[in-house]
Amino acid sequence: MQHPPIFNANSVPQETMGYLPDMSDTLMEWLRPMVIRRTTKTGPNAATEFKVLETAQTPQNFNGCIQPYPEEKLVMKPTEQRSWKWWKMFSTTDLLLINDDKAEVDNITYRVMSNKNWNQAGFFVYEMIQTYQNGQPA
């Protein structure tokens, strides 16, 4: 009697290793339509007379979700950063946000601290802090 082959990680062809499951359909139940207004920075350089210029971009529609940063990960941040309001934003669209960009969503302004491209799994993740001016949320 011949036994069926045992399938495990060793049986998987090498070219399929490393793929993530596509989570975009699953995320659609979790995400909602949103609008983001990006503000990008340029400079300082000779073209900007060594000043930092902020340029507001055209609002962009996307499906996303913003949630508080997980407390267990916040504990690992440097002490002076733990009191900041940290947020995580998920999107099925690459919003082209880079570190230090401003992002306004639902009339709240955030500053992008990191961006993670999980496009292979169908989504993008942005870590952000809520910005303040004169002690008030911006």
C-alpha atoms as a PDB file:
ATOM      1  CA  MET A   1       0.000   0.000   0.000  1.00  0.00           C
ATOM      2  CA  GLN A   2       1.416   3.387  -0.995  1.00  0.00           C
ATOM      3  CA  HIS A   3       0.952   6.271   1.440  1.00  0.00           C
ATOM      4  CA  PRO A   4       0.045   9.760   0.185  1.00  0.00           C
ATOM      5  CA  PRO A   5       2.931  12.227   0.249  1.00  0.00           C
ATOM      6  CA  ILE A   6       3.452  14.290   3.383  1.00  0.00           C
ATOM      7  CA  PHE A   7       3.019  17.981   2.651  1.00  0.00           C
ATOM      8  CA  ASN A   8       4.942  20.447   4.749  1.00  0.00           C
ATOM      9  CA  ALA A   9       7.107  23.525   4.195  1.00  0.00           C
ATOM     10  CA  ASN A  10       9.739  21.329   2.567  1.00  0.00           C
ATOM     11  CA  SER A  11       7.192  20.229  -0.073  1.00  0.00           C
ATOM     12  CA  VAL A  12       6.401  23.792  -1.181  1.00  0.00           C
ATOM     13  CA  PRO A  13       8.136  24.821  -4.415  1.00  0.00           C
ATOM     14  CA  GLN A  14      10.775  27.490  -3.804  1.00  0.00           C
ATOM     15  CA  GLU A  15       9.165  30.065  -6.114  1.00  0.00           C
ATOM     16  CA  THR A  16       6.031  30.271  -3.886  1.00  0.00           C
ATOM     17  CA  MET A  17       7.924  30.847  -0.657  1.00  0.00           C
ATOM     18  CA  GLY A  18       7.477  34.232   0.967  1.00  0.00           C
ATOM     19  CA  TYR A  19       4.029  35.111  -0.343  1.00  0.00           C
ATOM     20  CA  LEU A  20       1.513  36.608   2.047  1.00  0.00           C
ATOM     21  CA  PRO A  21      -2.226  35.969   1.914  1.00  0.00           C
ATOM     22  CA  ASP A  22      -4.153  38.735   0.149  1.00  0.00           C
ATOM     23  CA  MET A  23      -6.020  40.502   2.964  1.00  0.00           C
ATOM     24  CA  SER A  24      -7.668  43.218   0.850  1.00  0.00           C
ATOM     25  CA  ASP A  25     -11.095  41.476   0.759  1.00  0.00           C
ATOM     26  CA  THR A  26     -11.003  40.901   4.515  1.00  0.00           C
ATOM     27  CA  LEU A  27     -10.004  44.497   5.157  1.00  0.00           C
ATOM     28  CA  MET A  28     -12.911  45.891   3.134  1.00  0.00           C
ATOM     29  CA  GLU A  29     -15.286  44.959   5.976  1.00  0.00           C
ATOM     30  CA  TRP A  30     -13.099  46.874   8.414  1.00  0.00           C
ATOM     31  CA  LEU A  31     -12.259  49.962   6.352  1.00  0.00           C
ATOM     32  CA  ARG A  32     -14.434  52.927   5.475  1.00  0.00           C
ATOM     33  CA  PRO A  33     -14.301  55.626   2.795  1.00  0.00           C
ATOM     34  CA  MET A  34     -12.044  58.491   3.920  1.00  0.00           C
ATOM     35  CA  VAL A  35     -10.433  61.610   2.484  1.00  0.00           C
ATOM     36  CA  ILE A  36      -6.827  62.565   3.188  1.00  0.00           C
ATOM     37  CA  ARG A  37      -5.154  65.901   2.628  1.00  0.00           C
ATOM     38  CA  ARG A  38      -1.370  65.489   2.427  1.00  0.00           C
ATOM     39  CA  THR A  39       1.171  68.210   3.059  1.00  0.00           C
ATOM     40  CA  THR A  40       4.670  67.425   1.817  1.00  0.00           C
ATOM     41  CA  LYS A  41       7.960  69.086   2.704  1.00  0.00           C
ATOM     42  CA  THR A  42      10.754  70.184   0.401  1.00  0.00           C
ATOM     43  CA  GLY A  43      14.098  71.694   1.277  1.00  0.00           C
ATOM     44  CA  PRO A  44      16.099  73.051   2.857  1.00  0.00           C
ATOM     45  CA  ASN A  45      18.187  73.482  -0.262  1.00  0.00           C
ATOM     46  CA  ALA A  46      19.460  76.209  -2.550  1.00  0.00           C
ATOM     47  CA  ALA A  47      16.263  76.151  -4.642  1.00  0.00           C
ATOM     48  CA  THR A  48      14.163  76.957  -1.526  1.00  0.00           C
ATOM     49  CA  GLU A  49      16.705  79.474  -0.187  1.00  0.00           C
ATOM     50  CA  PHE A  50      17.528  76.943   2.537  1.00  0.00           C
ATOM     51  CA  LYS A  51      14.016  77.074   3.972  1.00  0.00           C
ATOM     52  CA  VAL A  52      11.636  74.164   4.502  1.00  0.00           C
ATOM     53  CA  LEU A  53       8.574  74.592   2.323  1.00  0.00           C
ATOM     54  CA  GLU A  54       5.303  72.766   3.004  1.00  0.00           C
ATOM     55  CA  THR A  55       3.059  72.137   0.006  1.00  0.00           C
ATOM     56  CA  ALA A  56      -0.580  71.074   0.377  1.00  0.00           C
ATOM     57  CA  GLN A  57      -1.582  68.323  -2.053  1.00  0.00           C
ATOM     58  CA  THR A  58      -4.950  67.637  -3.667  1.00  0.00           C
ATOM     59  CA  PRO A  59      -7.324  65.700  -1.349  1.00  0.00           C
ATOM     60  CA  GLN A  60      -7.387  61.968  -2.079  1.00  0.00           C
ATOM     61  CA  ASN A  61     -10.212  59.494  -1.482  1.00  0.00           C
ATOM     62  CA  PHE A  62      -9.267  56.096  -0.062  1.00  0.00           C
ATOM     63  CA  ASN A  63     -10.598  53.221   2.030  1.00  0.00           C
ATOM     64  CA  GLY A  64      -8.931  53.205   5.421  1.00  0.00           C
ATOM     65  CA  CYS A  65      -9.084  52.900   9.161  1.00  0.00           C
ATOM     66  CA  ILE A  66      -7.345  54.816  11.941  1.00  0.00           C
ATOM     67  CA  GLN A  67      -6.927  53.191  15.316  1.00  0.00           C
ATOM     68  CA  PRO A  68      -4.938  53.926  18.479  1.00  0.00           C
ATOM     69  CA  TYR A  69      -1.399  52.608  18.542  1.00  0.00           C
ATOM     70  CA  PRO A  70      -1.159  49.308  20.497  1.00  0.00           C
ATOM     71  CA  GLU A  71      -0.130  49.978  24.100  1.00  0.00           C
ATOM     72  CA  GLU A  72       2.333  47.078  24.203  1.00  0.00           C
ATOM     73  CA  LYS A  73       4.247  48.659  21.297  1.00  0.00           C
ATOM     74  CA  LEU A  74       4.024  52.136  22.804  1.00  0.00           C
ATOM     75  CA  VAL A  75       5.921  50.933  25.874  1.00  0.00           C
ATOM     76  CA  MET A  76       8.892  50.163  23.613  1.00  0.00           C
ATOM     77  CA  LYS A  77       9.083  53.788  22.396  1.00  0.00           C
ATOM     78  CA  PRO A  78      11.553  56.191  24.037  1.00  0.00           C
ATOM     79  CA  THR A  79      10.186  57.657  27.269  1.00  0.00           C
ATOM     80  CA  GLU A  80       9.728  61.165  25.878  1.00  0.00           C
ATOM     81  CA  GLN A  81       7.606  59.834  22.974  1.00  0.00           C
ATOM     82  CA  ARG A  82       5.196  57.745  25.060  1.00  0.00           C
ATOM     83  CA  SER A  83       2.995  60.711  25.973  1.00  0.00           C
ATOM     84  CA  TRP A  84       2.395  61.601  22.321  1.00  0.00           C
ATOM     85  CA  LYS A  85      -0.914  60.506  20.758  1.00  0.00           C
ATOM     86  CA  TRP A  86       0.174  57.678  18.448  1.00  0.00           C
ATOM     87  CA  TRP A  87      -2.131  56.291  15.744  1.00  0.00           C
ATOM     88  CA  LYS A  88      -1.986  53.567  13.136  1.00  0.00           C
ATOM     89  CA  MET A  89      -3.682  54.029   9.777  1.00  0.00           C
ATOM     90  CA  PHE A  90      -4.438  51.165   7.398  1.00  0.00           C
ATOM     91  CA  SER A  91      -5.209  51.697   3.725  1.00  0.00           C
ATOM     92  CA  THR A  92      -5.704  49.552   0.640  1.00  0.00           C
ATOM     93  CA  THR A  93      -4.220  52.392  -1.433  1.00  0.00           C
ATOM     94  CA  ASP A  94      -0.637  53.627  -1.357  1.00  0.00           C
ATOM     95  CA  LEU A  95      -1.146  57.184  -0.116  1.00  0.00           C
ATOM     96  CA  LEU A  96       2.454  58.108  -0.992  1.00  0.00           C
ATOM     97  CA  LEU A  97       3.048  59.336   2.553  1.00  0.00           C
ATOM     98  CA  ILE A  98       6.642  59.520   3.686  1.00  0.00           C
ATOM     99  CA  ASN A  99       8.134  60.256   7.086  1.00  0.00           C
ATOM    100  CA  ASP A 100       7.478  63.797   8.335  1.00  0.00           C
ATOM    101  CA  ASP A 101       4.571  64.439   5.921  1.00  0.00           C
ATOM    102  CA  LYS A 102       1.419  65.900   7.425  1.00  0.00           C
ATOM    103  CA  ALA A 103      -1.848  64.074   6.822  1.00  0.00           C
ATOM    104  CA  GLU A 104      -5.252  65.549   7.638  1.00  0.00           C
ATOM    105  CA  VAL A 105      -8.070  63.027   8.033  1.00  0.00           C
ATOM    106  CA  ASP A 106     -11.481  63.843   9.565  1.00  0.00           C
ATOM    107  CA  ASN A 107     -10.230  67.365  10.419  1.00  0.00           C
ATOM    108  CA  ILE A 108      -7.393  65.981  12.573  1.00  0.00           C
ATOM    109  CA  THR A 109      -3.801  66.613  11.530  1.00  0.00           C
ATOM    110  CA  TYR A 110      -1.232  63.858  11.957  1.00  0.00           C
ATOM    111  CA  ARG A 111       2.497  63.675  11.276  1.00  0.00           C
ATOM    112  CA  VAL A 112       3.726  60.494   9.591  1.00  0.00           C
ATOM    113  CA  MET A 113       6.414  58.739  11.632  1.00  0.00           C
ATOM    114  CA  SER A 114       6.740  55.562   9.536  1.00  0.00           C
ATOM    115  CA  ASN A 115       5.186  53.846   6.544  1.00  0.00           C
ATOM    116  CA  LYS A 116       5.062  50.142   5.809  1.00  0.00           C
ATOM    117  CA  ASN A 117       4.289  48.703   2.400  1.00  0.00           C
ATOM    118  CA  TRP A 118       2.337  45.453   2.799  1.00  0.00           C
ATOM    119  CA  ASN A 119       1.097  45.681  -0.798  1.00  0.00           C
ATOM    120  CA  GLN A 120       1.813  41.977  -1.235  1.00  0.00           C
ATOM    121  CA  ALA A 121      -0.915  41.339   1.350  1.00  0.00           C
ATOM    122  CA  GLY A 122      -3.166  44.082  -0.034  1.00  0.00           C
ATOM    123  CA  PHE A 123      -2.647  46.976   2.390  1.00  0.00           C
ATOM    124  CA  PHE A 124      -0.371  49.769   3.628  1.00  0.00           C
ATOM    125  CA  VAL A 125       0.276  50.807   7.248  1.00  0.00           C
ATOM    126  CA  TYR A 126       1.235  54.273   8.484  1.00  0.00           C
ATOM    127  CA  GLU A 127       2.304  55.104  12.042  1.00  0.00           C
ATOM    128  CA  MET A 128       1.412  58.688  12.923  1.00  0.00           C
ATOM    129  CA  ILE A 129       1.299  61.117  15.809  1.00  0.00           C
ATOM    130  CA  GLN A 130      -1.423  63.686  16.310  1.00  0.00           C
ATOM    131  CA  THR A 131      -0.045  67.206  15.884  1.00  0.00           C
ATOM    132  CA  TYR A 132      -0.610  70.118  18.242  1.00  0.00           C
ATOM    133  CA  GLN A 133      -0.240  73.886  18.004  1.00  0.00           C
ATOM    134  CA  ASN A 134      -0.241  76.071  21.118  1.00  0.00           C
ATOM    135  CA  GLY A 135      -1.254  73.093  23.265  1.00  0.00           C
ATOM    136  CA  GLN A 136      -4.362  72.364  21.173  1.00  0.00           C
ATOM    137  CA  PRO A 137      -4.867  69.630  18.566  1.00  0.00           C
ATOM    138  CA  ALA A 138      -4.043  71.065  15.128  1.00  0.00           C
END
